[in-house]
Amino acid sequence: MAVALVVALAIGLWPVHADVRGESNYSCGSGFLHSTHTWNVDSAALDFQETSTFSASGLPSTVCPDKVDSRRELALLVMGFSLALGLLSMLFLDRGRAPNFGTTLFANRRRIPARPPLPVARVQPEEPSTQ
């Protein structure tokens, strides 16, 4: 279960690259860590560039969300599946243990009335004897 969680975390944090207009290898961030503000700023800057040699599918603000969201969804799917499988295996594959009767008898022992406290010998004040 822990290995699958580490794999899901690696999938979610692995950098995503996309082909956008003006750059063939644009870094969109990762599934868990990305910035839509950076995509919008870069899209505004790349919108006015004319490149006829490289034909890309679009700007970062249109291409990156799909790639990043699909990576994040895959990581969350792997994480949820591993957690569900781990919990089900703990529930169904747990071996029975020998019963511990000490806890069941403890409640019966508590029903016995408490004994009254033992008498305490009081210290007698030392008075000089007047004889």
Protein backbone atom coordinates (compact mmCIF):
# COMPACT_ATOMS: atom_id res chain seq x y z
CA MET A 1 0.00 0.00 0.00
CA ALA A 2 2.81 2.40 0.84
CA VAL A 3 4.62 1.67 -2.42
CA ALA A 4 1.49 2.51 -4.41
CA LEU A 5 1.12 5.79 -2.52
CA VAL A 6 4.72 6.71 -3.31
CA VAL A 7 4.13 5.84 -6.98
CA ALA A 8 0.98 8.00 -7.02
CA LEU A 9 2.88 10.88 -5.46
CA ALA A 10 5.64 10.52 -8.05
CA ILE A 11 3.07 10.54 -10.86
CA GLY A 12 1.44 13.66 -9.45
CA LEU A 13 4.72 15.54 -8.97
CA TRP A 14 6.41 14.54 -12.27
CA PRO A 15 6.75 17.55 -14.62
CA VAL A 16 4.35 17.80 -17.56
CA HIS A 17 5.60 19.13 -20.92
CA ALA A 18 3.47 20.27 -23.84
CA ASP A 19 3.99 21.45 -27.41
CA VAL A 20 2.71 25.03 -27.58
CA ARG A 21 3.00 27.75 -30.14
CA GLY A 22 6.48 29.25 -30.01
CA GLU A 23 8.03 26.51 -27.84
CA SER A 24 8.27 22.84 -28.59
CA ASN A 25 8.96 21.79 -24.99
CA TYR A 26 6.93 24.03 -22.67
CA SER A 27 6.87 23.02 -18.98
CA CYS A 28 3.32 23.15 -17.66
CA GLY A 29 4.29 22.24 -14.09
CA SER A 30 3.11 19.01 -12.50
CA GLY A 31 -0.23 17.46 -11.64
CA PHE A 32 -0.12 18.77 -8.09
CA LEU A 33 2.08 21.87 -8.47
CA HIS A 34 1.27 24.22 -11.32
CA SER A 35 0.38 27.87 -11.92
CA THR A 36 -2.52 28.98 -14.09
CA HIS A 37 -1.29 32.56 -13.78
CA THR A 38 1.99 31.60 -15.46
CA TRP A 39 0.05 29.87 -18.24
CA ASN A 40 -2.02 33.01 -18.85
CA VAL A 41 1.03 35.30 -18.86
CA ASP A 42 2.95 33.01 -21.21
CA SER A 43 -0.10 32.67 -23.46
CA ALA A 44 -0.36 36.44 -23.77
CA ALA A 45 3.34 36.67 -24.63
CA LEU A 46 3.26 33.79 -27.14
CA ASP A 47 0.02 34.91 -28.77
CA PHE A 48 1.76 37.63 -30.78
CA GLN A 49 4.66 35.46 -31.96
CA GLU A 50 4.41 34.27 -35.53
CA THR A 51 6.19 30.97 -36.08
CA SER A 52 5.51 29.24 -39.37
CA THR A 53 8.17 26.54 -38.96
CA PHE A 54 6.59 24.91 -35.91
CA SER A 55 2.92 24.08 -35.84
CA ALA A 56 1.68 23.43 -32.32
CA SER A 57 -1.78 22.75 -31.04
CA GLY A 58 -2.30 25.95 -29.05
CA LEU A 59 -1.27 28.25 -26.25
CA PRO A 60 -0.27 27.17 -22.73
CA SER A 61 -3.59 28.35 -21.25
CA THR A 62 -5.49 25.94 -23.54
CA VAL A 63 -3.09 22.99 -23.78
CA CYS A 64 -1.68 22.70 -20.24
CA PRO A 65 -4.91 22.31 -18.19
CA ASP A 66 -5.86 19.12 -20.01
CA LYS A 67 -2.43 17.56 -19.62
CA VAL A 68 -2.05 18.59 -15.97
CA ASP A 69 -5.57 17.53 -15.02
CA SER A 70 -5.17 14.12 -16.61
CA ARG A 71 -1.88 13.59 -14.74
CA ARG A 72 -3.46 14.64 -11.43
CA GLU A 73 -6.50 12.42 -12.01
CA LEU A 74 -4.26 9.44 -12.73
CA ALA A 75 -2.31 10.06 -9.51
CA LEU A 76 -5.49 10.40 -7.46
CA LEU A 77 -6.92 7.25 -9.06
CA VAL A 78 -3.82 5.23 -8.18
CA MET A 79 -3.84 6.69 -4.65
CA GLY A 80 -7.54 5.98 -4.06
CA PHE A 81 -7.29 2.47 -5.50
CA SER A 82 -4.31 1.62 -3.30
CA LEU A 83 -5.99 2.98 -0.18
CA ALA A 84 -9.20 1.06 -0.90
CA LEU A 85 -7.29 -2.14 -1.62
CA GLY A 86 -5.21 -1.71 1.55
CA LEU A 87 -8.24 -1.12 3.74
CA LEU A 88 -10.13 -4.06 2.25
CA SER A 89 -7.14 -6.35 2.71
CA MET A 90 -6.81 -5.25 6.33
CA LEU A 91 -10.51 -5.89 6.87
CA PHE A 92 -10.80 -9.29 5.18
CA LEU A 93 -7.35 -10.78 5.60
CA ASP A 94 -6.93 -10.06 9.31
CA ARG A 95 -6.41 -13.35 11.14
CA GLY A 96 -8.48 -14.03 14.22
CA ARG A 97 -6.73 -13.68 17.53
CA ALA A 98 -7.14 -15.65 20.74
CA PRO A 99 -9.83 -14.06 22.86
CA ASN A 100 -8.61 -12.00 25.77
CA PHE A 101 -10.97 -12.58 28.67
CA GLY A 102 -9.20 -10.19 30.96
CA THR A 103 -11.04 -7.25 29.50
CA THR A 104 -14.47 -8.90 29.77
CA LEU A 105 -13.96 -9.85 33.41
CA PHE A 106 -12.75 -6.40 34.31
CA ALA A 107 -16.30 -5.04 34.07
CA ASN A 108 -17.53 -7.71 36.50
CA ARG A 109 -14.77 -6.90 38.96
CA ARG A 110 -15.77 -3.28 38.97
CA ARG A 111 -19.30 -4.12 40.11
CA ILE A 112 -18.08 -5.36 43.50
CA PRO A 113 -18.77 -2.62 46.03
CA ALA A 114 -15.72 -0.83 47.23
CA ARG A 115 -14.50 -1.54 50.73
CA PRO A 116 -14.73 1.22 53.26
CA PRO A 117 -11.42 2.85 54.01
CA LEU A 118 -9.40 1.43 56.88
CA PRO A 119 -9.48 3.40 60.09
CA VAL A 120 -6.56 5.70 60.48
CA ALA A 121 -4.92 6.05 63.85
CA ARG A 122 -4.95 9.65 64.87
CA VAL A 123 -1.89 11.18 66.32
CA GLN A 124 -2.44 12.16 69.95
CA PRO A 125 -1.16 15.59 70.84
CA GLU A 126 1.69 15.48 73.28
CA GLU A 127 0.59 17.32 76.37
CA PRO A 128 2.72 17.51 79.41
CA SER A 129 1.26 15.34 82.07
CA THR A 130 -0.05 17.23 85.03
CA GLN A 131 0.26 14.83 87.95
